[in-house]
């Protein structure tokens, strides 16, 4: 899928991984320019020079000691940029902290192939990429989750499930056969129920509550277009 985004930044210690991501962005997502840096110092320098980035891809090791504050600083400097974080850890709490800091996607470092492409496609489509471990851990039994779900309509539960998968509104609308404006109404109702104001906040809140078993919704692993 081609997107309108043209400028990206990849901050990654590994030359191989950094070059691979940059090449994918240029060939598969039509980025005209991808800046590459290998450490925190050069990341800071580039961010001082460039304030109109469309996408920032950063490895956890490059963010420094306080990852959440570093992410928030990235978002303040480049408010229009989507931010993707690669992490070697599958620690649930750490991943939720990254979402709370403003990440639009958290990708385990061993993610490859079609799942890696899918992650960037979701982010570039306006969604939030949630790693496999969080997508599946998000729907287990808990009292608070049962209370939340009991107050939702069946349609809101369907939207909630797809939202937890990271899908943007237009894809949720297509999967459920409803209009994007109707999805937007349901999403805002879910935000109120969760006590959040953004999709990233919803992802974090969903996982913090560990929501109950998902509603029966067909979610085929299709190519997002």
N, C-alpha and C. Protein backbone atom coordinates (compact mmCIF):
# COMPACT_ATOMS: atom_id res chain seq x y z
N UNK A 1 0.83 -1.18 0.00
CA UNK A 1 0.00 0.00 0.00
C UNK A 1 0.86 1.23 0.00
N UNK A 2 0.57 2.19 -0.85
CA UNK A 2 1.31 3.43 -0.91
C UNK A 2 0.63 4.45 -0.01
N UNK A 3 1.41 5.25 0.68
CA UNK A 3 0.86 6.26 1.55
C UNK A 3 1.39 7.62 1.14
N UNK A 4 0.81 8.68 1.73
CA UNK A 4 1.24 10.03 1.39
C UNK A 4 2.46 10.46 2.21
N UNK A 5 2.84 9.65 3.21
CA UNK A 5 3.99 9.99 4.03
C UNK A 5 5.26 9.94 3.20
N UNK A 6 6.14 10.94 3.37
CA UNK A 6 7.34 10.99 2.54
C UNK A 6 8.64 11.03 3.33
N UNK A 7 8.60 11.40 4.60
CA UNK A 7 9.84 11.53 5.36
C UNK A 7 9.78 10.71 6.64
N UNK A 8 10.76 9.85 6.83
CA UNK A 8 10.82 9.03 8.02
C UNK A 8 12.19 9.06 8.65
N UNK A 9 12.26 8.60 9.88
CA UNK A 9 13.53 8.50 10.60
C UNK A 9 13.57 7.13 11.27
N UNK A 10 14.68 6.42 11.07
CA UNK A 10 14.88 5.11 11.70
C UNK A 10 16.08 5.19 12.62
N UNK A 11 15.86 4.97 13.90
CA UNK A 11 16.93 5.02 14.91
C UNK A 11 17.12 3.61 15.46
N UNK A 12 18.21 2.99 15.08
CA UNK A 12 18.45 1.58 15.39
C UNK A 12 19.95 1.32 15.40
N UNK A 13 20.45 0.61 16.42
CA UNK A 13 21.89 0.33 16.53
C UNK A 13 22.38 -0.59 15.43
N UNK A 14 21.59 -1.59 15.06
CA UNK A 14 22.00 -2.58 14.07
C UNK A 14 21.94 -2.01 12.65
N UNK A 15 23.07 -2.01 11.96
CA UNK A 15 23.09 -1.53 10.57
C UNK A 15 22.14 -2.34 9.69
N UNK A 16 22.14 -3.67 9.90
CA UNK A 16 21.32 -4.55 9.08
C UNK A 16 19.83 -4.26 9.28
N UNK A 17 19.40 -4.18 10.53
CA UNK A 17 17.99 -3.95 10.83
C UNK A 17 17.58 -2.55 10.38
N UNK A 18 18.42 -1.57 10.66
CA UNK A 18 18.13 -0.18 10.29
C UNK A 18 17.98 -0.04 8.77
N UNK A 19 18.91 -0.62 8.04
CA UNK A 19 18.85 -0.55 6.59
C UNK A 19 17.65 -1.27 6.02
N UNK A 20 17.30 -2.41 6.62
CA UNK A 20 16.15 -3.16 6.15
C UNK A 20 14.84 -2.41 6.32
N UNK A 21 14.67 -1.78 7.47
CA UNK A 21 13.45 -1.00 7.72
C UNK A 21 13.39 0.19 6.77
N UNK A 22 14.52 0.88 6.60
CA UNK A 22 14.55 2.03 5.70
C UNK A 22 14.19 1.63 4.27
N UNK A 23 14.72 0.50 3.82
CA UNK A 23 14.43 0.02 2.47
C UNK A 23 12.96 -0.33 2.31
N UNK A 24 12.38 -0.99 3.32
CA UNK A 24 10.97 -1.34 3.27
C UNK A 24 10.11 -0.08 3.19
N UNK A 25 10.44 0.93 3.97
CA UNK A 25 9.65 2.17 3.94
C UNK A 25 9.71 2.83 2.58
N UNK A 26 10.88 2.81 1.95
CA UNK A 26 11.02 3.44 0.65
C UNK A 26 10.34 2.65 -0.46
N UNK A 27 10.50 1.32 -0.45
CA UNK A 27 9.97 0.51 -1.54
C UNK A 27 8.49 0.17 -1.38
N UNK A 28 8.05 -0.08 -0.15
CA UNK A 28 6.69 -0.53 0.08
C UNK A 28 5.72 0.58 0.49
N UNK A 29 6.24 1.65 1.06
CA UNK A 29 5.36 2.71 1.58
C UNK A 29 5.62 4.08 0.96
N UNK A 30 6.45 4.10 -0.07
CA UNK A 30 6.64 5.30 -0.88
C UNK A 30 7.25 6.48 -0.11
N UNK A 31 8.11 6.19 0.84
CA UNK A 31 8.83 7.26 1.52
C UNK A 31 9.92 7.81 0.60
N UNK A 32 9.96 9.11 0.43
CA UNK A 32 10.98 9.72 -0.42
C UNK A 32 12.32 9.85 0.29
N UNK A 33 12.26 10.03 1.61
CA UNK A 33 13.49 10.25 2.37
C UNK A 33 13.39 9.53 3.71
N UNK A 34 14.39 8.72 4.02
CA UNK A 34 14.44 8.03 5.31
C UNK A 34 15.80 8.33 5.94
N UNK A 35 15.79 9.07 7.03
CA UNK A 35 17.00 9.40 7.77
C UNK A 35 17.36 8.23 8.67
N UNK A 36 18.62 7.87 8.72
CA UNK A 36 19.05 6.74 9.55
C UNK A 36 20.07 7.21 10.59
N UNK A 37 19.84 6.84 11.86
CA UNK A 37 20.78 7.13 12.94
C UNK A 37 20.96 5.87 13.77
N UNK A 38 22.09 5.81 14.49
CA UNK A 38 22.43 4.58 15.19
C UNK A 38 22.46 4.70 16.71
N UNK A 39 22.28 5.92 17.24
CA UNK A 39 22.36 6.07 18.69
C UNK A 39 21.55 7.26 19.17
N UNK A 40 21.43 7.38 20.49
CA UNK A 40 20.61 8.42 21.10
C UNK A 40 21.12 9.82 20.77
N UNK A 41 22.45 10.00 20.76
CA UNK A 41 23.03 11.32 20.50
C UNK A 41 22.65 11.82 19.11
N UNK A 42 22.82 10.96 18.11
CA UNK A 42 22.49 11.36 16.74
C UNK A 42 20.99 11.48 16.53
N UNK A 43 20.20 10.72 17.29
CA UNK A 43 18.75 10.87 17.22
C UNK A 43 18.36 12.28 17.68
N UNK A 44 18.94 12.72 18.79
CA UNK A 44 18.65 14.06 19.30
C UNK A 44 19.05 15.13 18.29
N UNK A 45 20.21 14.95 17.66
CA UNK A 45 20.69 15.93 16.68
C UNK A 45 19.73 16.03 15.50
N UNK A 46 19.29 14.88 15.00
CA UNK A 46 18.37 14.89 13.85
C UNK A 46 17.04 15.51 14.21
N UNK A 47 16.57 15.25 15.43
CA UNK A 47 15.28 15.82 15.85
C UNK A 47 15.37 17.33 16.00
N UNK A 48 16.54 17.84 16.34
CA UNK A 48 16.73 19.29 16.41
C UNK A 48 16.69 19.92 15.02
N UNK A 49 17.17 19.17 14.03
CA UNK A 49 17.23 19.70 12.66
C UNK A 49 15.92 19.50 11.89
N UNK A 50 15.17 18.46 12.25
CA UNK A 50 14.00 18.07 11.46
C UNK A 50 12.77 18.03 12.36
N UNK A 51 11.75 18.80 12.00
CA UNK A 51 10.53 18.82 12.80
C UNK A 51 9.29 18.44 11.99
N UNK A 52 9.48 17.96 10.77
CA UNK A 52 8.35 17.60 9.93
C UNK A 52 8.44 16.14 9.48
N UNK A 53 8.70 15.28 10.42
CA UNK A 53 8.75 13.86 10.13
C UNK A 53 7.34 13.27 10.09
N UNK A 54 7.15 12.30 9.18
CA UNK A 54 5.87 11.61 9.10
C UNK A 54 5.86 10.33 9.92
N UNK A 55 7.04 9.74 10.09
CA UNK A 55 7.15 8.48 10.84
C UNK A 55 8.50 8.43 11.54
N UNK A 56 8.47 8.04 12.81
CA UNK A 56 9.71 7.82 13.57
C UNK A 56 9.71 6.37 14.03
N UNK A 57 10.74 5.63 13.62
CA UNK A 57 10.91 4.24 14.04
C UNK A 57 12.14 4.19 14.93
N UNK A 58 11.97 3.75 16.16
CA UNK A 58 13.08 3.81 17.10
C UNK A 58 13.19 2.52 17.89
N UNK A 59 14.41 2.04 18.05
CA UNK A 59 14.65 0.88 18.89
C UNK A 59 14.69 1.31 20.34
N UNK A 60 14.21 0.46 21.22
CA UNK A 60 14.13 0.79 22.64
C UNK A 60 15.49 1.20 23.20
N UNK A 61 16.56 0.57 22.73
CA UNK A 61 17.90 0.86 23.24
C UNK A 61 18.36 2.28 22.91
N UNK A 62 17.77 2.88 21.88
CA UNK A 62 18.18 4.22 21.46
C UNK A 62 17.43 5.30 22.23
N UNK A 63 16.37 4.94 22.92
CA UNK A 63 15.56 5.93 23.63
C UNK A 63 16.21 6.43 24.90
N UNK A 64 17.17 5.70 25.44
CA UNK A 64 17.80 6.11 26.69
C UNK A 64 17.14 5.47 27.90
N UNK A 65 17.46 5.98 29.07
CA UNK A 65 17.03 5.34 30.31
C UNK A 65 15.53 5.48 30.57
N UNK A 66 14.98 6.66 30.28
CA UNK A 66 13.56 6.89 30.54
C UNK A 66 12.80 6.88 29.23
N UNK A 67 12.35 5.69 28.84
CA UNK A 67 11.72 5.55 27.53
C UNK A 67 10.43 6.35 27.39
N UNK A 68 9.60 6.34 28.42
CA UNK A 68 8.31 7.05 28.32
C UNK A 68 8.52 8.54 28.12
N UNK A 69 9.41 9.16 28.88
CA UNK A 69 9.68 10.59 28.72
C UNK A 69 10.30 10.87 27.36
N UNK A 70 11.16 9.99 26.90
CA UNK A 70 11.79 10.17 25.59
C UNK A 70 10.74 10.13 24.49
N UNK A 71 9.79 9.21 24.59
CA UNK A 71 8.72 9.13 23.60
C UNK A 71 7.86 10.39 23.62
N UNK A 72 7.53 10.85 24.80
CA UNK A 72 6.72 12.06 24.90
C UNK A 72 7.44 13.25 24.29
N UNK A 73 8.77 13.31 24.45
CA UNK A 73 9.56 14.38 23.85
C UNK A 73 9.54 14.27 22.32
N UNK A 74 9.61 13.04 21.80
CA UNK A 74 9.52 12.84 20.36
C UNK A 74 8.19 13.37 19.82
N UNK A 75 7.11 13.07 20.53
CA UNK A 75 5.79 13.49 20.08
C UNK A 75 5.63 15.01 20.16
N UNK A 76 6.20 15.63 21.18
CA UNK A 76 6.11 17.09 21.28
C UNK A 76 6.85 17.75 20.13
N UNK A 77 8.01 17.21 19.79
CA UNK A 77 8.83 17.78 18.73
C UNK A 77 8.20 17.54 17.35
N UNK A 78 7.57 16.39 17.17
CA UNK A 78 6.98 16.01 15.88
C UNK A 78 5.54 15.54 16.11
N UNK A 79 4.62 16.46 16.40
CA UNK A 79 3.26 16.06 16.77
C UNK A 79 2.51 15.33 15.66
N UNK A 80 2.89 15.54 14.39
CA UNK A 80 2.19 14.88 13.30
C UNK A 80 2.76 13.50 12.98
N UNK A 81 3.90 13.17 13.57
CA UNK A 81 4.58 11.92 13.24
C UNK A 81 3.94 10.72 13.94
N UNK A 82 3.85 9.61 13.23
CA UNK A 82 3.52 8.35 13.84
C UNK A 82 4.81 7.78 14.42
N UNK A 83 4.72 7.12 15.57
CA UNK A 83 5.91 6.61 16.25
C UNK A 83 5.79 5.11 16.48
N UNK A 84 6.81 4.39 16.01
CA UNK A 84 6.87 2.93 16.18
C UNK A 84 8.11 2.60 17.01
N UNK A 85 7.95 1.73 18.00
CA UNK A 85 9.06 1.34 18.86
C UNK A 85 9.32 -0.16 18.71
N UNK A 86 10.56 -0.51 18.43
CA UNK A 86 10.99 -1.91 18.46
C UNK A 86 11.52 -2.23 19.85
N UNK A 87 11.08 -3.36 20.40
CA UNK A 87 11.54 -3.74 21.74
C UNK A 87 11.95 -5.21 21.76
N UNK A 88 13.09 -5.52 22.40
CA UNK A 88 13.51 -6.92 22.51
C UNK A 88 12.74 -7.65 23.61
N UNK A 89 12.00 -6.90 24.41
CA UNK A 89 11.32 -7.49 25.56
C UNK A 89 9.84 -7.70 25.27
N UNK A 90 9.27 -8.77 25.83
CA UNK A 90 7.83 -9.00 25.74
C UNK A 90 7.15 -8.67 27.07
N UNK A 91 7.85 -7.88 27.90
CA UNK A 91 7.31 -7.49 29.19
C UNK A 91 6.06 -6.64 29.00
N UNK A 92 4.95 -7.13 29.51
CA UNK A 92 3.66 -6.49 29.29
C UNK A 92 3.61 -5.08 29.84
N UNK A 93 4.11 -4.90 31.06
CA UNK A 93 4.07 -3.58 31.68
C UNK A 93 4.89 -2.57 30.88
N UNK A 94 6.06 -3.00 30.42
CA UNK A 94 6.91 -2.11 29.64
C UNK A 94 6.23 -1.70 28.34
N UNK A 95 5.59 -2.64 27.66
CA UNK A 95 4.91 -2.31 26.41
C UNK A 95 3.76 -1.34 26.65
N UNK A 96 3.03 -1.51 27.75
CA UNK A 96 1.95 -0.59 28.07
C UNK A 96 2.49 0.81 28.37
N UNK A 97 3.66 0.88 29.00
CA UNK A 97 4.30 2.17 29.24
C UNK A 97 4.64 2.87 27.93
N UNK A 98 5.06 2.11 26.95
CA UNK A 98 5.39 2.69 25.65
C UNK A 98 4.13 3.25 24.98
N UNK A 99 3.03 2.53 25.07
CA UNK A 99 1.78 3.05 24.53
C UNK A 99 1.35 4.31 25.29
N UNK A 100 1.51 4.29 26.61
CA UNK A 100 1.16 5.45 27.41
C UNK A 100 2.03 6.65 27.05
N UNK A 101 3.25 6.40 26.60
CA UNK A 101 4.14 7.48 26.20
C UNK A 101 3.84 8.03 24.82
N UNK A 102 2.94 7.39 24.08
CA UNK A 102 2.53 7.92 22.79
C UNK A 102 2.88 7.07 21.60
N UNK A 103 3.38 5.84 21.81
CA UNK A 103 3.71 4.98 20.67
C UNK A 103 2.45 4.60 19.90
N UNK A 104 2.54 4.65 18.58
CA UNK A 104 1.45 4.20 17.73
C UNK A 104 1.59 2.72 17.37
N UNK A 105 2.73 2.15 17.71
CA UNK A 105 2.96 0.74 17.50
C UNK A 105 4.14 0.28 18.32
N UNK A 106 4.03 -0.90 18.91
CA UNK A 106 5.14 -1.52 19.64
C UNK A 106 5.39 -2.88 18.99
N UNK A 107 6.59 -3.07 18.44
CA UNK A 107 6.89 -4.26 17.66
C UNK A 107 8.02 -5.05 18.31
N UNK A 108 7.78 -6.30 18.70
CA UNK A 108 8.89 -7.14 19.19
C UNK A 108 9.99 -7.23 18.14
N UNK A 109 11.23 -7.20 18.58
CA UNK A 109 12.37 -7.14 17.65
C UNK A 109 12.48 -8.36 16.74
N UNK A 110 11.89 -9.49 17.15
CA UNK A 110 11.98 -10.69 16.32
C UNK A 110 10.84 -10.81 15.30
N UNK A 111 10.04 -9.76 15.16
CA UNK A 111 8.94 -9.76 14.19
C UNK A 111 9.50 -9.64 12.78
N UNK A 112 9.05 -10.51 11.89
CA UNK A 112 9.56 -10.50 10.52
C UNK A 112 8.42 -10.74 9.53
N UNK A 113 8.75 -10.68 8.25
CA UNK A 113 7.85 -11.07 7.18
C UNK A 113 6.54 -10.31 7.14
N UNK A 114 5.46 -11.04 6.90
CA UNK A 114 4.15 -10.43 6.70
C UNK A 114 3.65 -9.71 7.95
N UNK A 115 4.01 -10.21 9.14
CA UNK A 115 3.57 -9.55 10.37
C UNK A 115 4.25 -8.19 10.53
N UNK A 116 5.51 -8.11 10.14
CA UNK A 116 6.22 -6.83 10.20
C UNK A 116 5.58 -5.83 9.23
N UNK A 117 5.30 -6.30 8.01
CA UNK A 117 4.64 -5.44 7.03
C UNK A 117 3.28 -5.00 7.55
N UNK A 118 2.53 -5.94 8.14
CA UNK A 118 1.21 -5.64 8.69
C UNK A 118 1.30 -4.58 9.77
N UNK A 119 2.32 -4.65 10.61
CA UNK A 119 2.49 -3.68 11.68
C UNK A 119 2.61 -2.26 11.13
N UNK A 120 3.47 -2.10 10.13
CA UNK A 120 3.65 -0.77 9.55
C UNK A 120 2.42 -0.33 8.76
N UNK A 121 1.75 -1.28 8.13
CA UNK A 121 0.55 -0.94 7.37
C UNK A 121 -0.55 -0.42 8.29
N UNK A 122 -0.71 -1.05 9.44
CA UNK A 122 -1.72 -0.60 10.40
C UNK A 122 -1.38 0.80 10.90
N UNK A 123 -0.13 1.02 11.26
CA UNK A 123 0.28 2.34 11.76
C UNK A 123 0.10 3.41 10.69
N UNK A 124 0.51 3.11 9.46
CA UNK A 124 0.40 4.08 8.38
C UNK A 124 -1.04 4.30 7.94
N UNK A 125 -1.94 3.37 8.29
CA UNK A 125 -3.36 3.53 7.98
C UNK A 125 -4.08 4.32 9.06
N UNK A 126 -3.36 4.72 10.10
CA UNK A 126 -3.97 5.49 11.18
C UNK A 126 -4.34 4.68 12.39
N UNK A 127 -3.99 3.38 12.40
CA UNK A 127 -4.30 2.53 13.54
C UNK A 127 -3.17 2.44 14.54
N UNK A 128 -3.36 1.59 15.51
CA UNK A 128 -2.35 1.34 16.54
C UNK A 128 -1.98 -0.13 16.46
N UNK A 129 -0.71 -0.43 16.19
CA UNK A 129 -0.30 -1.83 16.12
C UNK A 129 -0.03 -2.36 17.52
N UNK A 130 -0.78 -3.39 17.89
CA UNK A 130 -0.64 -4.04 19.20
C UNK A 130 0.02 -5.39 18.99
N UNK A 131 1.14 -5.68 19.66
CA UNK A 131 1.82 -6.96 19.44
C UNK A 131 0.96 -8.15 19.86
N UNK A 132 1.28 -9.28 19.29
CA UNK A 132 0.51 -10.51 19.49
C UNK A 132 0.24 -10.80 20.97
N UNK A 133 1.27 -10.69 21.79
CA UNK A 133 1.11 -11.04 23.21
C UNK A 133 0.06 -10.18 23.88
N UNK A 134 0.04 -8.89 23.57
CA UNK A 134 -0.97 -8.02 24.18
C UNK A 134 -2.34 -8.24 23.57
N UNK A 135 -2.40 -8.52 22.26
CA UNK A 135 -3.70 -8.76 21.62
C UNK A 135 -4.40 -9.95 22.27
N UNK A 136 -3.64 -10.97 22.62
CA UNK A 136 -4.25 -12.17 23.19
C UNK A 136 -4.42 -12.06 24.70
N UNK A 137 -3.48 -11.39 25.38
CA UNK A 137 -3.63 -11.20 26.83
C UNK A 137 -4.76 -10.24 27.16
N UNK A 138 -5.18 -9.43 26.16
CA UNK A 138 -6.20 -8.41 26.43
C UNK A 138 -7.55 -9.01 26.75
N UNK A 139 -7.79 -10.28 26.39
CA UNK A 139 -9.11 -10.86 26.58
C UNK A 139 -9.07 -12.09 27.48
N UNK A 140 -8.89 -11.84 28.78
CA UNK A 140 -8.97 -12.88 29.80
C UNK A 140 -9.92 -12.40 30.89
N UNK A 141 -10.29 -13.31 31.79
CA UNK A 141 -11.33 -13.00 32.76
C UNK A 141 -10.85 -12.01 33.82
N UNK A 142 -11.72 -11.02 34.12
CA UNK A 142 -11.49 -10.13 35.26
C UNK A 142 -12.81 -9.47 35.63
N UNK A 143 -12.99 -9.17 36.92
CA UNK A 143 -14.25 -8.58 37.38
C UNK A 143 -14.48 -7.21 36.75
N UNK A 144 -13.44 -6.37 36.72
CA UNK A 144 -13.60 -5.03 36.18
C UNK A 144 -13.94 -5.08 34.70
N UNK A 145 -13.37 -6.05 33.98
CA UNK A 145 -13.67 -6.18 32.56
C UNK A 145 -15.11 -6.61 32.34
N UNK A 146 -15.58 -7.54 33.17
CA UNK A 146 -16.96 -8.00 33.06
C UNK A 146 -17.92 -6.83 33.29
N UNK A 147 -17.59 -5.98 34.25
CA UNK A 147 -18.44 -4.82 34.53
C UNK A 147 -18.46 -3.87 33.35
N UNK A 148 -17.28 -3.67 32.73
CA UNK A 148 -17.20 -2.80 31.56
C UNK A 148 -18.04 -3.36 30.42
N UNK A 149 -17.86 -4.65 30.11
CA UNK A 149 -18.54 -5.25 28.98
C UNK A 149 -20.05 -5.33 29.20
N UNK A 150 -20.47 -5.48 30.44
CA UNK A 150 -21.91 -5.61 30.71
C UNK A 150 -22.66 -4.34 30.36
N UNK A 151 -21.96 -3.22 30.32
CA UNK A 151 -22.61 -1.95 29.99
C UNK A 151 -22.56 -1.59 28.52
N UNK A 152 -22.00 -2.48 27.69
CA UNK A 152 -21.85 -2.20 26.27
C UNK A 152 -22.88 -2.96 25.43
N UNK A 153 -23.25 -2.39 24.30
CA UNK A 153 -24.09 -3.10 23.34
C UNK A 153 -23.25 -4.13 22.61
N UNK A 154 -23.92 -5.06 21.92
CA UNK A 154 -23.18 -6.06 21.15
C UNK A 154 -22.29 -5.41 20.10
N UNK A 155 -22.79 -4.37 19.44
CA UNK A 155 -22.00 -3.70 18.42
C UNK A 155 -20.78 -3.01 19.04
N UNK A 156 -20.96 -2.41 20.20
CA UNK A 156 -19.82 -1.76 20.88
C UNK A 156 -18.77 -2.80 21.27
N UNK A 157 -19.21 -3.99 21.67
CA UNK A 157 -18.26 -5.06 22.00
C UNK A 157 -17.46 -5.47 20.76
N UNK A 158 -18.15 -5.53 19.61
CA UNK A 158 -17.46 -5.87 18.37
C UNK A 158 -16.41 -4.80 18.02
N UNK A 159 -16.81 -3.54 18.16
CA UNK A 159 -15.88 -2.45 17.89
C UNK A 159 -14.72 -2.48 18.88
N UNK A 160 -15.02 -2.78 20.13
CA UNK A 160 -13.98 -2.86 21.16
C UNK A 160 -12.95 -3.94 20.82
N UNK A 161 -13.43 -5.09 20.38
CA UNK A 161 -12.52 -6.18 20.02
C UNK A 161 -11.60 -5.76 18.88
N UNK A 162 -12.17 -5.18 17.83
CA UNK A 162 -11.36 -4.77 16.68
C UNK A 162 -10.44 -3.61 17.04
N UNK A 163 -10.90 -2.71 17.91
CA UNK A 163 -10.06 -1.62 18.38
C UNK A 163 -8.85 -2.18 19.12
N UNK A 164 -9.06 -3.23 19.91
CA UNK A 164 -7.97 -3.83 20.66
C UNK A 164 -6.94 -4.49 19.75
N UNK A 165 -7.36 -4.82 18.51
CA UNK A 165 -6.43 -5.40 17.54
C UNK A 165 -5.60 -4.33 16.85
N UNK A 166 -5.94 -3.06 17.08
CA UNK A 166 -5.19 -1.96 16.49
C UNK A 166 -5.75 -1.43 15.19
N UNK A 167 -6.91 -1.93 14.74
CA UNK A 167 -7.44 -1.51 13.45
C UNK A 167 -7.95 -0.07 13.49
N UNK A 168 -7.69 0.71 12.43
CA UNK A 168 -8.24 2.07 12.34
C UNK A 168 -9.72 2.02 12.03
N UNK A 169 -10.40 3.16 12.20
CA UNK A 169 -11.86 3.21 12.05
C UNK A 169 -12.34 2.71 10.69
N UNK A 170 -11.64 3.07 9.61
CA UNK A 170 -12.14 2.70 8.28
C UNK A 170 -12.11 1.18 8.07
N UNK A 171 -11.12 0.51 8.69
CA UNK A 171 -11.06 -0.94 8.56
C UNK A 171 -12.12 -1.59 9.45
N UNK A 172 -12.34 -1.04 10.64
CA UNK A 172 -13.41 -1.55 11.51
C UNK A 172 -14.75 -1.43 10.80
N UNK A 173 -14.97 -0.29 10.16
CA UNK A 173 -16.23 -0.06 9.43
C UNK A 173 -16.43 -1.11 8.34
N UNK A 174 -15.37 -1.38 7.60
CA UNK A 174 -15.46 -2.35 6.51
C UNK A 174 -15.75 -3.75 7.03
N UNK A 175 -15.08 -4.13 8.11
CA UNK A 175 -15.26 -5.47 8.65
C UNK A 175 -16.66 -5.68 9.22
N UNK A 176 -17.24 -4.62 9.80
CA UNK A 176 -18.55 -4.75 10.44
C UNK A 176 -19.70 -4.34 9.52
N UNK A 177 -19.38 -3.80 8.33
CA UNK A 177 -20.42 -3.41 7.40
C UNK A 177 -21.20 -2.18 7.83
N UNK A 178 -20.52 -1.26 8.52
CA UNK A 178 -21.16 -0.02 8.95
C UNK A 178 -20.33 1.16 8.46
N UNK A 179 -20.84 2.36 8.62
CA UNK A 179 -20.13 3.54 8.11
C UNK A 179 -19.03 3.96 9.08
N UNK A 180 -17.97 4.61 8.57
CA UNK A 180 -16.91 5.13 9.45
C UNK A 180 -17.43 6.10 10.51
N UNK A 181 -18.45 6.89 10.15
CA UNK A 181 -19.00 7.83 11.13
C UNK A 181 -19.68 7.10 12.27
N UNK A 182 -20.33 5.97 11.97
CA UNK A 182 -20.94 5.16 13.03
C UNK A 182 -19.87 4.55 13.93
N UNK A 183 -18.78 4.08 13.32
CA UNK A 183 -17.67 3.56 14.11
C UNK A 183 -17.14 4.64 15.04
N UNK A 184 -17.01 5.85 14.52
CA UNK A 184 -16.49 6.96 15.33
C UNK A 184 -17.36 7.19 16.56
N UNK A 185 -18.67 7.11 16.38
CA UNK A 185 -19.59 7.28 17.51
C UNK A 185 -19.35 6.19 18.56
N UNK A 186 -19.20 4.94 18.09
CA UNK A 186 -18.96 3.83 19.02
C UNK A 186 -17.61 3.99 19.72
N UNK A 187 -16.58 4.41 18.99
CA UNK A 187 -15.25 4.56 19.57
C UNK A 187 -15.27 5.62 20.67
N UNK A 188 -15.96 6.73 20.42
CA UNK A 188 -16.03 7.77 21.45
C UNK A 188 -16.80 7.30 22.68
N UNK A 189 -17.83 6.47 22.45
CA UNK A 189 -18.56 5.89 23.58
C UNK A 189 -17.65 4.98 24.39
N UNK A 190 -16.79 4.21 23.70
CA UNK A 190 -15.84 3.33 24.38
C UNK A 190 -14.80 4.15 25.13
N UNK A 191 -14.35 5.25 24.54
CA UNK A 191 -13.40 6.12 25.24
C UNK A 191 -13.99 6.59 26.57
N UNK A 192 -15.27 6.98 26.54
CA UNK A 192 -15.91 7.43 27.78
C UNK A 192 -15.98 6.30 28.79
N UNK A 193 -16.32 5.10 28.31
CA UNK A 193 -16.42 3.94 29.22
C UNK A 193 -15.07 3.60 29.83
N UNK A 194 -14.00 3.77 29.06
CA UNK A 194 -12.65 3.44 29.53
C UNK A 194 -12.00 4.60 30.26
N UNK A 195 -12.58 5.79 30.15
CA UNK A 195 -12.00 6.97 30.80
C UNK A 195 -10.75 7.47 30.12
N UNK A 196 -10.70 7.38 28.77
CA UNK A 196 -9.52 7.81 28.02
C UNK A 196 -9.96 8.76 26.91
N UNK A 197 -8.97 9.34 26.21
CA UNK A 197 -9.27 10.31 25.15
C UNK A 197 -8.60 9.98 23.83
N UNK A 198 -7.76 8.97 23.81
CA UNK A 198 -7.04 8.62 22.58
C UNK A 198 -7.04 7.11 22.37
N UNK A 199 -6.70 6.67 21.13
CA UNK A 199 -6.63 5.25 20.83
C UNK A 199 -5.51 4.59 21.63
N UNK A 200 -4.37 5.30 21.78
CA UNK A 200 -3.28 4.74 22.56
C UNK A 200 -3.70 4.54 24.02
N UNK A 201 -4.45 5.53 24.53
CA UNK A 201 -4.96 5.40 25.89
C UNK A 201 -5.92 4.23 26.01
N UNK A 202 -6.72 4.01 24.97
CA UNK A 202 -7.66 2.89 24.98
C UNK A 202 -6.93 1.56 24.99
N UNK A 203 -5.86 1.45 24.19
CA UNK A 203 -5.07 0.22 24.17
C UNK A 203 -4.51 -0.07 25.56
N UNK A 204 -3.94 0.97 26.19
CA UNK A 204 -3.36 0.79 27.52
C UNK A 204 -4.43 0.43 28.54
N UNK A 205 -5.59 1.11 28.47
CA UNK A 205 -6.66 0.85 29.43
C UNK A 205 -7.24 -0.54 29.25
N UNK A 206 -7.39 -0.97 28.00
CA UNK A 206 -7.92 -2.30 27.75
C UNK A 206 -7.04 -3.36 28.37
N UNK A 207 -5.75 -3.20 28.18
CA UNK A 207 -4.83 -4.21 28.71
C UNK A 207 -4.68 -4.10 30.22
N UNK A 208 -4.80 -2.90 30.75
CA UNK A 208 -4.74 -2.73 32.20
C UNK A 208 -5.93 -3.41 32.87
N UNK A 209 -7.09 -3.35 32.21
CA UNK A 209 -8.29 -4.00 32.75
C UNK A 209 -8.30 -5.50 32.46
N UNK A 210 -7.46 -5.94 31.53
CA UNK A 210 -7.50 -7.31 30.99
C UNK A 210 -8.93 -7.77 30.71
N UNK A 211 -9.42 -7.31 29.60
CA UNK A 211 -10.82 -7.50 29.24
C UNK A 211 -11.20 -8.97 29.06
N UNK A 212 -12.50 -9.23 29.14
CA UNK A 212 -13.00 -10.61 29.09
C UNK A 212 -12.96 -11.19 27.69
N UNK A 213 -13.37 -12.45 27.56
CA UNK A 213 -13.29 -13.16 26.28
C UNK A 213 -13.92 -12.35 25.16
N UNK A 214 -13.28 -12.33 23.97
CA UNK A 214 -13.76 -11.47 22.89
C UNK A 214 -15.12 -11.89 22.35
N UNK A 215 -15.87 -10.88 21.85
CA UNK A 215 -17.13 -11.22 21.20
C UNK A 215 -16.84 -12.01 19.93
N UNK A 216 -17.84 -12.67 19.39
CA UNK A 216 -17.62 -13.53 18.22
C UNK A 216 -17.64 -12.65 16.97
N UNK A 217 -16.46 -12.26 16.54
CA UNK A 217 -16.31 -11.41 15.38
C UNK A 217 -15.33 -12.06 14.45
N UNK A 218 -15.64 -12.14 13.17
CA UNK A 218 -14.71 -12.66 12.19
C UNK A 218 -13.69 -11.59 11.87
N UNK A 219 -12.43 -11.84 12.19
CA UNK A 219 -11.36 -10.90 11.90
C UNK A 219 -10.35 -11.61 11.03
N UNK A 220 -10.57 -11.58 9.73
CA UNK A 220 -9.65 -12.26 8.85
C UNK A 220 -8.35 -11.48 8.74
N UNK A 221 -7.25 -12.18 8.59
CA UNK A 221 -5.95 -11.54 8.48
C UNK A 221 -5.75 -11.10 7.03
N UNK A 222 -6.52 -10.07 6.63
CA UNK A 222 -6.49 -9.62 5.25
C UNK A 222 -5.46 -8.53 5.06
N UNK A 223 -5.10 -8.26 3.83
CA UNK A 223 -4.22 -7.15 3.51
C UNK A 223 -5.00 -5.87 3.62
N UNK A 224 -4.53 -4.90 4.41
CA UNK A 224 -5.23 -3.64 4.57
C UNK A 224 -4.99 -2.78 3.35
N UNK A 225 -6.05 -2.25 2.75
CA UNK A 225 -5.92 -1.41 1.57
C UNK A 225 -6.74 -0.15 1.76
